[in-house]
Every structure is written in structure tokens, then in C-alpha cells.
Amino acid sequence: MKINDLLSFPLFSEELGIDLPRCCDHELFKWLLASVLFGGPVSRDIARKTYRTFQKYLLTDPARIIEAGRSFLMHPVMQEGGYVRHDGVAAADILELCNTLLNYYQGSLNQLHEAAANSEDLENRITAMRGMDPLSANIFLRELRPVWAKADPDPLPVVSEMAKKYKLDLTGMHPKDPAFTRVESALIRLKRTRSKRSRPFASA
């Protein structure tokens, strides 16, 4: 396995058809929603299917999600996605996240980014939203490094673990380089295909 091999792997956002380089609020929110789902205690397949179900019901906007309400998020949205054991908690988290985004940032993640003083403040603002624990925040921010100036989360320990496993030297790659983000994503993906842990994006 070489670094060039990893550059052919899709980003997780690309896999979902989310266009982060556009940096528009709608695409950013879709990635935030996906990050909450992928950071939860379910398999990658269930998280992906649940995200697709949100898309099916046109619930990729904070105001529309709030309008739909908790009951609709649980049934049919999360039920169809297979996100059933934790559907009540996840639905409540997503609704509260949407309320926070609307009440404090007028529904704009770009406004949240502008309000942040630096990368640490940005992470703190993200994790202050319900449902965005450090893992979900890392999922969200790592693919935004090349897009947002203040997005610069530390790579998860699994990245160096897998780089060591495949004897890859990443020291010459800057974390803000889009190539690093793609390699990072690929190494996490490789780790997940070899692990039976329930949280598909967890570090270790």
C-alpha cells in the first residue's frame, strides 16, 4: 500500500454525494447531519441508510427538520434507516442541534465558522451543540480542513496507527492539504473494514 493508492479512495462526504468544496450552508449542513449519524452507536451501513432516508424526505435543512418534529424523525425516517435502538435519543439530538444552529447562527454553519476565534474555538462551538461529541466533531471538521481556514482538528490516533501498519510516512504532508484529508479518510476506512467495533469512525 502506497500513499498514491490511498488518493483514489473517496472521502466519506463524496460517498454521500455532499459537495463540501462548494462551502455553501446547505452542503455543510448535510455533512453535519451525516456526522451526527456516523458518530452514533450504529454501523456505517445503518448511518448511511438513515442519512439517505433524511434525503428521501427532503430533511436536509435545519428548519425543515424542526418542522417535521421528533415523532416524524423517529417514524418513519429513522425507522426506515434502521436506526431504531437509539432513534429517540438521536432524533432529540438532531432537533436540538438544529435549534442551536438557527438560534445562535441563523442556521448558517459558515456564520458559525466566521464567529469562531480560531480552530480551538471552532471545535468548542461544534461540540457545544447537542449530538456533536468529540468523535462526531472530528468526523465533521477533518474533511473541512481544506475548505474552512479554522478547521484543523488533530488526526485521530487510528491514522498514525494505520500509517505505521502500512509503513507510510505522512510527515511530509500538511494536514490542510486536500491530499492529506483523502489519505486520512482512506486509512480510517481501511481500519473500519478490519474492525468489528460498532462505531465505524472511532479511533481505538
N, C-alpha and C. Protein backbone atom coordinates (compact mmCIF):
# COMPACT_ATOMS: atom_id res chain seq x y z
N MET A 1 0.85 -1.20 0.00
CA MET A 1 0.00 0.00 0.00
C MET A 1 0.88 1.25 0.00
N LYS A 2 0.65 2.15 -0.94
CA LYS A 2 1.39 3.40 -1.02
C LYS A 2 0.42 4.58 -0.90
N ILE A 3 0.99 5.75 -0.64
CA ILE A 3 0.16 6.93 -0.48
C ILE A 3 -0.67 7.18 -1.74
N ASN A 4 -0.07 7.01 -2.91
CA ASN A 4 -0.81 7.23 -4.15
C ASN A 4 -2.02 6.31 -4.27
N ASP A 5 -1.91 5.11 -3.71
CA ASP A 5 -3.06 4.18 -3.73
C ASP A 5 -4.22 4.74 -2.92
N LEU A 6 -3.89 5.41 -1.83
CA LEU A 6 -4.93 5.93 -0.94
C LEU A 6 -5.63 7.15 -1.53
N LEU A 7 -4.97 7.84 -2.44
CA LEU A 7 -5.56 9.04 -3.04
C LEU A 7 -6.74 8.72 -3.94
N SER A 8 -6.90 7.44 -4.28
CA SER A 8 -8.03 7.05 -5.14
C SER A 8 -9.29 6.75 -4.32
N PHE A 9 -9.15 6.70 -2.98
CA PHE A 9 -10.31 6.43 -2.12
C PHE A 9 -11.20 7.66 -2.07
N PRO A 10 -12.52 7.48 -2.07
CA PRO A 10 -13.41 8.65 -1.93
C PRO A 10 -13.45 9.13 -0.49
N LEU A 11 -13.67 10.42 -0.31
CA LEU A 11 -13.95 10.94 1.02
C LEU A 11 -15.33 10.43 1.45
N PHE A 12 -15.58 10.42 2.74
CA PHE A 12 -16.88 9.97 3.21
C PHE A 12 -17.99 10.92 2.73
N SER A 13 -17.69 12.20 2.67
CA SER A 13 -18.69 13.15 2.17
C SER A 13 -18.98 12.91 0.69
N GLU A 14 -17.95 12.59 -0.08
CA GLU A 14 -18.14 12.31 -1.50
C GLU A 14 -19.00 11.07 -1.70
N GLU A 15 -18.80 10.08 -0.84
CA GLU A 15 -19.58 8.85 -0.92
C GLU A 15 -21.08 9.14 -0.78
N LEU A 16 -21.38 10.18 -0.04
CA LEU A 16 -22.79 10.56 0.19
C LEU A 16 -23.27 11.60 -0.82
N GLY A 17 -22.41 12.00 -1.73
CA GLY A 17 -22.80 13.00 -2.72
C GLY A 17 -22.84 14.41 -2.17
N ILE A 18 -22.11 14.67 -1.09
CA ILE A 18 -22.08 16.00 -0.47
C ILE A 18 -20.89 16.77 -1.04
N ASP A 19 -21.14 17.96 -1.54
CA ASP A 19 -20.12 18.77 -2.21
C ASP A 19 -19.55 19.80 -1.24
N LEU A 20 -18.63 19.39 -0.38
CA LEU A 20 -18.06 20.30 0.60
C LEU A 20 -17.26 21.45 -0.01
N PRO A 21 -16.52 21.23 -1.10
CA PRO A 21 -15.77 22.35 -1.68
C PRO A 21 -16.63 23.54 -2.07
N ARG A 22 -17.91 23.33 -2.32
CA ARG A 22 -18.81 24.45 -2.63
C ARG A 22 -18.93 25.40 -1.45
N CYS A 23 -18.78 24.83 -0.24
CA CYS A 23 -18.80 25.61 1.01
C CYS A 23 -20.10 26.38 1.20
N CYS A 24 -21.19 25.90 0.63
CA CYS A 24 -22.48 26.57 0.86
C CYS A 24 -23.12 25.94 2.08
N ASP A 25 -23.97 26.70 2.74
CA ASP A 25 -24.55 26.24 4.00
C ASP A 25 -25.35 24.95 3.85
N HIS A 26 -26.02 24.78 2.72
CA HIS A 26 -26.83 23.57 2.55
C HIS A 26 -25.96 22.32 2.53
N GLU A 27 -24.86 22.37 1.79
CA GLU A 27 -23.95 21.21 1.74
C GLU A 27 -23.29 20.99 3.09
N LEU A 28 -22.91 22.06 3.76
CA LEU A 28 -22.28 21.95 5.07
C LEU A 28 -23.24 21.33 6.08
N PHE A 29 -24.51 21.72 6.03
CA PHE A 29 -25.46 21.14 6.98
C PHE A 29 -25.67 19.65 6.70
N LYS A 30 -25.72 19.26 5.44
CA LYS A 30 -25.88 17.85 5.12
C LYS A 30 -24.73 17.04 5.72
N TRP A 31 -23.52 17.59 5.66
CA TRP A 31 -22.36 16.89 6.23
C TRP A 31 -22.43 16.87 7.76
N LEU A 32 -22.94 17.95 8.36
CA LEU A 32 -23.12 17.96 9.81
C LEU A 32 -24.11 16.88 10.22
N LEU A 33 -25.21 16.78 9.51
CA LEU A 33 -26.20 15.75 9.80
C LEU A 33 -25.59 14.35 9.66
N ALA A 34 -24.86 14.13 8.58
CA ALA A 34 -24.22 12.83 8.38
C ALA A 34 -23.22 12.53 9.50
N SER A 35 -22.50 13.56 9.96
CA SER A 35 -21.51 13.37 11.01
C SER A 35 -22.15 12.93 12.32
N VAL A 36 -23.31 13.49 12.63
CA VAL A 36 -24.04 13.07 13.84
C VAL A 36 -24.43 11.60 13.73
N LEU A 37 -24.93 11.21 12.57
CA LEU A 37 -25.36 9.83 12.37
C LEU A 37 -24.18 8.86 12.40
N PHE A 38 -23.10 9.21 11.71
CA PHE A 38 -21.94 8.32 11.65
C PHE A 38 -21.20 8.26 12.98
N GLY A 39 -21.33 9.31 13.79
CA GLY A 39 -20.67 9.31 15.09
C GLY A 39 -21.46 8.57 16.15
N GLY A 40 -22.65 8.13 15.81
CA GLY A 40 -23.50 7.44 16.77
C GLY A 40 -23.16 5.97 16.92
N PRO A 41 -23.86 5.28 17.83
CA PRO A 41 -23.56 3.88 18.15
C PRO A 41 -24.21 2.89 17.19
N VAL A 42 -24.03 3.12 15.88
CA VAL A 42 -24.59 2.22 14.87
C VAL A 42 -23.53 1.92 13.83
N SER A 43 -23.82 0.96 12.97
CA SER A 43 -22.87 0.62 11.92
C SER A 43 -22.85 1.69 10.85
N ARG A 44 -21.78 1.68 10.06
CA ARG A 44 -21.68 2.63 8.96
C ARG A 44 -22.84 2.46 7.99
N ASP A 45 -23.23 1.22 7.72
CA ASP A 45 -24.31 0.97 6.77
C ASP A 45 -25.63 1.58 7.24
N ILE A 46 -25.92 1.42 8.54
CA ILE A 46 -27.16 1.99 9.08
C ILE A 46 -27.11 3.51 9.06
N ALA A 47 -25.97 4.08 9.43
CA ALA A 47 -25.83 5.54 9.40
C ALA A 47 -26.02 6.07 7.98
N ARG A 48 -25.42 5.39 7.02
CA ARG A 48 -25.54 5.81 5.62
C ARG A 48 -26.99 5.70 5.14
N LYS A 49 -27.63 4.59 5.47
CA LYS A 49 -29.02 4.38 5.05
C LYS A 49 -29.94 5.42 5.71
N THR A 50 -29.68 5.73 6.97
CA THR A 50 -30.51 6.72 7.67
C THR A 50 -30.32 8.10 7.04
N TYR A 51 -29.09 8.45 6.69
CA TYR A 51 -28.86 9.72 6.01
C TYR A 51 -29.63 9.77 4.70
N ARG A 52 -29.61 8.67 3.94
CA ARG A 52 -30.35 8.61 2.68
C ARG A 52 -31.86 8.78 2.91
N THR A 53 -32.33 8.28 4.05
CA THR A 53 -33.75 8.42 4.35
C THR A 53 -34.09 9.88 4.67
N PHE A 54 -33.20 10.58 5.37
CA PHE A 54 -33.40 12.01 5.56
C PHE A 54 -33.50 12.71 4.21
N GLN A 55 -32.63 12.32 3.28
CA GLN A 55 -32.68 12.90 1.93
C GLN A 55 -34.02 12.59 1.25
N LYS A 56 -34.46 11.36 1.38
CA LYS A 56 -35.72 10.93 0.76
C LYS A 56 -36.88 11.83 1.18
N TYR A 57 -36.90 12.20 2.46
CA TYR A 57 -37.98 13.03 2.98
C TYR A 57 -37.65 14.53 2.93
N LEU A 58 -36.59 14.87 2.19
CA LEU A 58 -36.18 16.27 1.99
C LEU A 58 -35.87 16.97 3.32
N LEU A 59 -35.29 16.22 4.23
CA LEU A 59 -34.96 16.77 5.55
C LEU A 59 -33.45 17.00 5.64
N THR A 60 -32.96 17.90 4.82
CA THR A 60 -31.53 18.24 4.85
C THR A 60 -31.36 19.74 5.09
N ASP A 61 -32.27 20.29 5.85
CA ASP A 61 -32.27 21.71 6.20
C ASP A 61 -32.75 21.81 7.65
N PRO A 62 -32.09 22.61 8.49
CA PRO A 62 -32.48 22.65 9.90
C PRO A 62 -33.92 23.06 10.14
N ALA A 63 -34.41 24.03 9.39
CA ALA A 63 -35.80 24.48 9.59
C ALA A 63 -36.79 23.38 9.21
N ARG A 64 -36.53 22.65 8.14
CA ARG A 64 -37.43 21.57 7.73
C ARG A 64 -37.42 20.43 8.74
N ILE A 65 -36.27 20.16 9.32
CA ILE A 65 -36.18 19.10 10.32
C ILE A 65 -37.00 19.47 11.56
N ILE A 66 -36.87 20.72 12.01
CA ILE A 66 -37.65 21.17 13.16
C ILE A 66 -39.14 21.11 12.86
N GLU A 67 -39.50 21.51 11.66
CA GLU A 67 -40.91 21.46 11.26
C GLU A 67 -41.44 20.03 11.26
N ALA A 68 -40.60 19.07 10.87
CA ALA A 68 -41.02 17.66 10.83
C ALA A 68 -41.32 17.14 12.24
N GLY A 69 -40.48 17.52 13.21
CA GLY A 69 -40.72 17.12 14.59
C GLY A 69 -40.15 15.75 14.95
N ARG A 70 -40.06 15.52 16.25
CA ARG A 70 -39.42 14.32 16.78
C ARG A 70 -40.12 13.03 16.35
N SER A 71 -41.44 13.02 16.42
CA SER A 71 -42.17 11.79 16.07
C SER A 71 -41.92 11.38 14.63
N PHE A 72 -41.90 12.35 13.72
CA PHE A 72 -41.68 12.03 12.31
C PHE A 72 -40.24 11.58 12.08
N LEU A 73 -39.31 12.19 12.81
CA LEU A 73 -37.91 11.75 12.67
C LEU A 73 -37.75 10.30 13.11
N MET A 74 -38.45 9.93 14.17
CA MET A 74 -38.35 8.56 14.66
C MET A 74 -39.08 7.59 13.73
N HIS A 75 -40.28 7.97 13.33
CA HIS A 75 -41.11 7.12 12.46
C HIS A 75 -41.79 8.03 11.44
N PRO A 76 -41.41 7.98 10.18
CA PRO A 76 -40.73 6.86 9.52
C PRO A 76 -39.23 7.02 9.31
N VAL A 77 -38.66 8.21 9.47
CA VAL A 77 -37.30 8.46 8.96
C VAL A 77 -36.27 7.49 9.53
N MET A 78 -36.06 7.51 10.85
CA MET A 78 -35.01 6.70 11.43
C MET A 78 -35.39 5.22 11.43
N GLN A 79 -36.67 4.94 11.50
CA GLN A 79 -37.11 3.54 11.42
C GLN A 79 -36.75 2.95 10.07
N GLU A 80 -37.01 3.68 9.00
CA GLU A 80 -36.67 3.19 7.67
C GLU A 80 -35.16 3.05 7.48
N GLY A 81 -34.41 3.93 8.16
CA GLY A 81 -32.96 3.86 8.05
C GLY A 81 -32.36 2.72 8.85
N GLY A 82 -33.15 2.13 9.74
CA GLY A 82 -32.63 1.06 10.59
C GLY A 82 -32.01 1.56 11.87
N TYR A 83 -32.12 2.87 12.12
CA TYR A 83 -31.53 3.50 13.31
C TYR A 83 -32.58 3.45 14.41
N VAL A 84 -32.93 2.23 14.86
CA VAL A 84 -34.10 2.09 15.72
C VAL A 84 -33.81 2.00 17.22
N ARG A 85 -32.74 1.37 17.61
CA ARG A 85 -32.49 1.19 19.05
C ARG A 85 -32.24 2.53 19.75
N HIS A 86 -31.64 3.46 19.02
CA HIS A 86 -31.28 4.74 19.62
C HIS A 86 -32.01 5.89 18.91
N ASP A 87 -33.13 5.59 18.27
CA ASP A 87 -33.80 6.59 17.45
C ASP A 87 -34.31 7.78 18.26
N GLY A 88 -34.83 7.53 19.47
CA GLY A 88 -35.35 8.63 20.27
C GLY A 88 -34.28 9.62 20.67
N VAL A 89 -33.15 9.10 21.14
CA VAL A 89 -32.03 9.97 21.54
C VAL A 89 -31.48 10.71 20.34
N ALA A 90 -31.26 9.99 19.24
CA ALA A 90 -30.70 10.61 18.04
C ALA A 90 -31.63 11.69 17.49
N ALA A 91 -32.92 11.43 17.48
CA ALA A 91 -33.88 12.42 16.98
C ALA A 91 -33.86 13.67 17.85
N ALA A 92 -33.81 13.49 19.16
CA ALA A 92 -33.76 14.64 20.08
C ALA A 92 -32.47 15.43 19.88
N ASP A 93 -31.35 14.71 19.70
CA ASP A 93 -30.06 15.38 19.47
C ASP A 93 -30.11 16.23 18.20
N ILE A 94 -30.63 15.65 17.13
CA ILE A 94 -30.66 16.36 15.85
C ILE A 94 -31.57 17.58 15.92
N LEU A 95 -32.71 17.45 16.59
CA LEU A 95 -33.62 18.59 16.73
C LEU A 95 -32.97 19.71 17.54
N GLU A 96 -32.31 19.36 18.64
CA GLU A 96 -31.67 20.37 19.47
C GLU A 96 -30.51 21.03 18.73
N LEU A 97 -29.77 20.24 17.96
CA LEU A 97 -28.69 20.77 17.15
C LEU A 97 -29.23 21.81 16.16
N CYS A 98 -30.34 21.47 15.51
CA CYS A 98 -30.95 22.39 14.54
C CYS A 98 -31.41 23.67 15.22
N ASN A 99 -31.99 23.53 16.40
CA ASN A 99 -32.44 24.71 17.15
C ASN A 99 -31.26 25.61 17.51
N THR A 100 -30.18 25.02 17.96
CA THR A 100 -28.98 25.79 18.31
C THR A 100 -28.43 26.52 17.10
N LEU A 101 -28.36 25.81 15.99
CA LEU A 101 -27.83 26.41 14.76
C LEU A 101 -28.69 27.59 14.31
N LEU A 102 -30.00 27.44 14.41
CA LEU A 102 -30.91 28.52 13.99
C LEU A 102 -30.90 29.68 14.98
N ASN A 103 -30.89 29.37 16.27
CA ASN A 103 -31.00 30.41 17.29
C ASN A 103 -29.72 31.24 17.44
N TYR A 104 -28.56 30.60 17.26
CA TYR A 104 -27.30 31.29 17.51
C TYR A 104 -26.58 31.72 16.22
N TYR A 105 -26.85 31.02 15.12
CA TYR A 105 -26.11 31.30 13.88
C TYR A 105 -27.02 31.47 12.67
N GLN A 106 -28.31 31.74 12.91
CA GLN A 106 -29.27 31.93 11.82
C GLN A 106 -29.26 30.76 10.84
N GLY A 107 -28.96 29.58 11.35
CA GLY A 107 -28.97 28.37 10.53
C GLY A 107 -27.76 28.22 9.64
N SER A 108 -26.77 29.08 9.81
CA SER A 108 -25.61 29.09 8.91
C SER A 108 -24.34 28.57 9.57
N LEU A 109 -23.82 27.46 9.06
CA LEU A 109 -22.55 26.94 9.57
C LEU A 109 -21.39 27.84 9.16
N ASN A 110 -21.51 28.51 8.02
CA ASN A 110 -20.47 29.46 7.64
C ASN A 110 -20.40 30.61 8.64
N GLN A 111 -21.57 31.02 9.15
CA GLN A 111 -21.59 32.07 10.17
C GLN A 111 -20.94 31.58 11.46
N LEU A 112 -21.18 30.31 11.80
CA LEU A 112 -20.53 29.72 12.97
C LEU A 112 -19.01 29.76 12.80
N HIS A 113 -18.54 29.39 11.61
CA HIS A 113 -17.10 29.41 11.34
C HIS A 113 -16.54 30.81 11.46
N GLU A 114 -17.24 31.80 10.93
CA GLU A 114 -16.77 33.19 10.99
C GLU A 114 -16.72 33.70 12.43
N ALA A 115 -17.66 33.23 13.25
CA ALA A 115 -17.73 33.68 14.64
C ALA A 115 -16.60 33.09 15.49
N ALA A 116 -16.06 31.97 15.08
CA ALA A 116 -15.01 31.30 15.86
C ALA A 116 -13.71 32.10 15.80
N ALA A 117 -13.04 32.21 16.94
CA ALA A 117 -11.80 32.97 17.01
C ALA A 117 -10.63 32.21 16.37
N ASN A 118 -10.66 30.90 16.50
CA ASN A 118 -9.56 30.07 15.99
C ASN A 118 -10.05 28.63 15.90
N SER A 119 -9.16 27.71 15.58
CA SER A 119 -9.56 26.31 15.40
C SER A 119 -10.08 25.70 16.69
N GLU A 120 -9.47 26.06 17.82
CA GLU A 120 -9.94 25.52 19.11
C GLU A 120 -11.34 26.02 19.42
N ASP A 121 -11.57 27.30 19.20
CA ASP A 121 -12.90 27.88 19.44
C ASP A 121 -13.93 27.26 18.50
N LEU A 122 -13.52 26.99 17.27
CA LEU A 122 -14.43 26.35 16.31
C LEU A 122 -14.85 24.97 16.81
N GLU A 123 -13.89 24.18 17.26
CA GLU A 123 -14.22 22.85 17.78
C GLU A 123 -15.12 22.96 19.01
N ASN A 124 -14.85 23.94 19.86
CA ASN A 124 -15.68 24.11 21.06
C ASN A 124 -17.11 24.48 20.69
N ARG A 125 -17.27 25.32 19.68
CA ARG A 125 -18.61 25.71 19.24
C ARG A 125 -19.35 24.51 18.64
N ILE A 126 -18.61 23.69 17.90
CA ILE A 126 -19.23 22.50 17.30
C ILE A 126 -19.64 21.50 18.37
N THR A 127 -18.74 21.22 19.31
CA THR A 127 -19.05 20.23 20.34
C THR A 127 -20.06 20.76 21.36
N ALA A 128 -20.28 22.07 21.39
CA ALA A 128 -21.30 22.62 22.30
C ALA A 128 -22.70 22.29 21.82
N MET A 129 -22.84 21.92 20.55
CA MET A 129 -24.15 21.56 20.03
C MET A 129 -24.47 20.12 20.40
N ARG A 130 -25.68 19.89 20.88
CA ARG A 130 -26.07 18.55 21.30
C ARG A 130 -25.94 17.56 20.14
N GLY A 131 -25.39 16.40 20.45
CA GLY A 131 -25.20 15.38 19.43
C GLY A 131 -23.83 15.41 18.79
N MET A 132 -23.10 16.53 18.98
CA MET A 132 -21.77 16.65 18.40
C MET A 132 -20.72 16.40 19.47
N ASP A 133 -20.51 15.12 19.80
CA ASP A 133 -19.45 14.77 20.73
C ASP A 133 -18.11 14.91 20.00
N PRO A 134 -16.97 14.74 20.69
CA PRO A 134 -15.68 14.92 20.01
C PRO A 134 -15.49 14.06 18.77
N LEU A 135 -16.02 12.84 18.78
CA LEU A 135 -15.89 11.99 17.60
C LEU A 135 -16.67 12.56 16.43
N SER A 136 -17.92 12.92 16.64
CA SER A 136 -18.74 13.49 15.57
C SER A 136 -18.13 14.79 15.06
N ALA A 137 -17.58 15.59 15.98
CA ALA A 137 -16.95 16.85 15.59
C ALA A 137 -15.72 16.58 14.73
N ASN A 138 -14.96 15.54 15.08
CA ASN A 138 -13.78 15.21 14.28
C ASN A 138 -14.19 14.75 12.88
N ILE A 139 -15.23 13.93 12.81
CA ILE A 139 -15.75 13.49 11.51
C ILE A 139 -16.12 14.71 10.66
N PHE A 140 -16.83 15.65 11.28
CA PHE A 140 -17.29 16.83 10.56
C PHE A 140 -16.14 17.72 10.11
N LEU A 141 -15.20 18.00 11.02
CA LEU A 141 -14.18 19.00 10.75
C LEU A 141 -13.01 18.50 9.90
N ARG A 142 -12.70 17.21 9.95
CA ARG A 142 -11.49 16.78 9.25
C ARG A 142 -11.61 16.91 7.74
N GLU A 143 -12.80 16.71 7.17
CA GLU A 143 -12.94 16.88 5.73
C GLU A 143 -13.15 18.34 5.34
N LEU A 144 -13.27 19.20 6.35
CA LEU A 144 -13.40 20.63 6.10
C LEU A 144 -12.08 21.37 6.23
N ARG A 145 -11.01 20.67 6.59
CA ARG A 145 -9.71 21.35 6.71
C ARG A 145 -9.34 22.14 5.45
N PRO A 146 -9.48 21.56 4.25
CA PRO A 146 -9.10 22.33 3.05
C PRO A 146 -10.11 23.43 2.69
N VAL A 147 -11.27 23.43 3.34
CA VAL A 147 -12.37 24.34 2.97
C VAL A 147 -12.48 25.51 3.94
N TRP A 148 -12.42 25.21 5.22
CA TRP A 148 -12.53 26.24 6.25
C TRP A 148 -11.15 26.55 6.81
N ALA A 149 -10.78 27.82 6.87
CA ALA A 149 -9.47 28.21 7.37
C ALA A 149 -9.23 27.77 8.81
N LYS A 150 -10.30 27.78 9.62
CA LYS A 150 -10.15 27.47 11.04
C LYS A 150 -10.42 26.00 11.37
N ALA A 151 -10.74 25.20 10.37
CA ALA A 151 -10.95 23.76 10.60
C ALA A 151 -9.61 23.05 10.58
N ASP A 152 -9.17 22.61 11.74
CA ASP A 152 -7.86 21.95 11.81
C ASP A 152 -7.81 20.98 12.99
N PRO A 153 -8.72 19.98 13.00
CA PRO A 153 -8.71 19.02 14.12
C PRO A 153 -7.50 18.11 14.05
N ASP A 154 -7.07 17.64 15.20
CA ASP A 154 -5.98 16.66 15.22
C ASP A 154 -6.45 15.37 14.57
N PRO A 155 -5.59 14.73 13.77
CA PRO A 155 -5.96 13.42 13.21
C PRO A 155 -6.21 12.43 14.33
N LEU A 156 -7.16 11.53 14.13
CA LEU A 156 -7.42 10.51 15.13
C LEU A 156 -6.21 9.58 15.26
N PRO A 157 -6.00 8.98 16.43
CA PRO A 157 -4.88 8.06 16.62
C PRO A 157 -4.83 6.93 15.59
N VAL A 158 -5.99 6.52 15.08
CA VAL A 158 -6.04 5.43 14.12
C VAL A 158 -5.27 5.78 12.84
N VAL A 159 -5.14 7.07 12.53
CA VAL A 159 -4.45 7.47 11.30
C VAL A 159 -2.96 7.11 11.40
N SER A 160 -2.32 7.47 12.49
CA SER A 160 -0.91 7.12 12.66
C SER A 160 -0.74 5.62 12.84
N GLU A 161 -1.72 4.99 13.48
CA GLU A 161 -1.67 3.54 13.67
C GLU A 161 -1.66 2.81 12.33
N MET A 162 -2.57 3.22 11.43
CA MET A 162 -2.65 2.56 10.14
C MET A 162 -1.49 2.95 9.23
N ALA A 163 -1.01 4.19 9.35
CA ALA A 163 0.15 4.61 8.56
C ALA A 163 1.37 3.76 8.95
N LYS A 164 1.51 3.50 10.24
CA LYS A 164 2.62 2.66 10.71
C LYS A 164 2.45 1.23 10.20
N LYS A 165 1.22 0.75 10.20
CA LYS A 165 0.94 -0.61 9.75
C LYS A 165 1.36 -0.80 8.29
N TYR A 166 1.08 0.23 7.47
CA TYR A 166 1.40 0.14 6.04
C TYR A 166 2.73 0.79 5.68
N LYS A 167 3.50 1.18 6.73
CA LYS A 167 4.83 1.78 6.54
C LYS A 167 4.76 3.02 5.64
N LEU A 168 3.82 3.90 5.96
CA LEU A 168 3.64 5.13 5.20
C LEU A 168 4.18 6.31 6.01
N ASP A 169 4.94 7.16 5.37
CA ASP A 169 5.48 8.35 6.01
C ASP A 169 4.61 9.55 5.65
N LEU A 170 3.85 10.03 6.63
CA LEU A 170 2.95 11.15 6.40
C LEU A 170 3.53 12.48 6.86
N THR A 171 4.78 12.46 7.32
CA THR A 171 5.35 13.68 7.91
C THR A 171 5.52 14.80 6.89
N GLY A 172 5.62 14.47 5.62
CA GLY A 172 5.78 15.50 4.60
C GLY A 172 4.47 16.07 4.10
N MET A 173 3.36 15.59 4.63
CA MET A 173 2.04 16.06 4.19
C MET A 173 1.47 17.04 5.21
N HIS A 174 1.03 18.19 4.75
CA HIS A 174 0.44 19.18 5.66
C HIS A 174 -1.03 18.81 5.88
N PRO A 175 -1.50 18.86 7.12
CA PRO A 175 -2.90 18.49 7.41
C PRO A 175 -3.93 19.29 6.62
N LYS A 176 -3.59 20.51 6.19
CA LYS A 176 -4.54 21.33 5.43
C LYS A 176 -4.55 20.99 3.94
N ASP A 177 -3.62 20.14 3.55
CA ASP A 177 -3.55 19.72 2.14
C ASP A 177 -4.70 18.76 1.85
N PRO A 178 -5.47 18.99 0.78
CA PRO A 178 -6.57 18.07 0.45
C PRO A 178 -6.10 16.62 0.31
N ALA A 179 -4.87 16.43 -0.13
CA ALA A 179 -4.34 15.07 -0.28
C ALA A 179 -4.24 14.38 1.08
N PHE A 180 -3.85 15.14 2.12
CA PHE A 180 -3.76 14.55 3.46
C PHE A 180 -5.14 14.11 3.93
N THR A 181 -6.13 14.95 3.71
CA THR A 181 -7.50 14.61 4.12
C THR A 181 -7.96 13.32 3.45
N ARG A 182 -7.61 13.15 2.19
CA ARG A 182 -8.02 11.95 1.46
C ARG A 182 -7.28 10.72 2.00
N VAL A 183 -5.99 10.87 2.27
CA VAL A 183 -5.22 9.76 2.84
C VAL A 183 -5.74 9.41 4.23
N GLU A 184 -6.00 10.43 5.03
CA GLU A 184 -6.55 10.24 6.38
C GLU A 184 -7.86 9.45 6.32
N SER A 185 -8.75 9.88 5.44
CA SER A 185 -10.05 9.21 5.28
C SER A 185 -9.87 7.76 4.84
N ALA A 186 -8.94 7.53 3.92
CA ALA A 186 -8.70 6.18 3.42
C ALA A 186 -8.17 5.27 4.51
N LEU A 187 -7.28 5.78 5.35
CA LEU A 187 -6.72 4.96 6.43
C LEU A 187 -7.80 4.62 7.45
N ILE A 188 -8.67 5.56 7.75
CA ILE A 188 -9.78 5.29 8.67
C ILE A 188 -10.70 4.25 8.06
N ARG A 189 -10.96 4.37 6.76
CA ARG A 189 -11.81 3.41 6.08
C ARG A 189 -11.20 2.00 6.12
N LEU A 190 -9.90 1.92 5.91
CA LEU A 190 -9.21 0.62 5.94
C LEU A 190 -9.28 0.01 7.34
N LYS A 191 -9.15 0.84 8.36
CA LYS A 191 -9.24 0.34 9.72
C LYS A 191 -10.64 -0.20 10.00
N ARG A 192 -11.64 0.52 9.52
CA ARG A 192 -13.01 0.10 9.79
C ARG A 192 -13.38 -1.20 9.09
N THR A 193 -12.79 -1.45 7.92
CA THR A 193 -13.11 -2.69 7.21
C THR A 193 -12.50 -3.89 7.92
N ARG A 194 -11.57 -3.64 8.82
CA ARG A 194 -10.91 -4.73 9.53
C ARG A 194 -11.32 -4.81 10.99
N SER A 195 -12.32 -4.03 11.36
CA SER A 195 -12.74 -3.99 12.75
C SER A 195 -14.21 -4.34 12.88
N LYS A 196 -14.56 -4.95 13.98
CA LYS A 196 -15.97 -5.31 14.23
C LYS A 196 -16.61 -4.38 15.25
N ARG A 197 -15.92 -3.28 15.57
CA ARG A 197 -16.50 -2.36 16.53
C ARG A 197 -17.71 -1.69 15.95
N SER A 198 -18.62 -1.29 16.83
CA SER A 198 -19.90 -0.75 16.36
C SER A 198 -19.78 0.65 15.82
N ARG A 199 -18.84 1.45 16.34
CA ARG A 199 -18.76 2.84 15.91
C ARG A 199 -17.78 2.93 14.76
N PRO A 200 -18.24 3.09 13.53
CA PRO A 200 -17.42 2.94 12.35
C PRO A 200 -16.34 3.99 12.16
N PHE A 201 -16.38 5.09 12.87
CA PHE A 201 -15.38 6.12 12.68
C PHE A 201 -14.53 6.30 13.94
N ALA A 202 -14.70 5.43 14.93
CA ALA A 202 -13.98 5.61 16.17
C ALA A 202 -12.50 5.36 15.98
N SER A 203 -11.72 5.94 16.87
CA SER A 203 -10.27 5.85 16.74
C SER A 203 -9.75 4.51 17.24
N ALA A 204 -9.96 4.23 18.50
CA ALA A 204 -9.49 2.98 19.09
C ALA A 204 -10.00 2.89 20.52
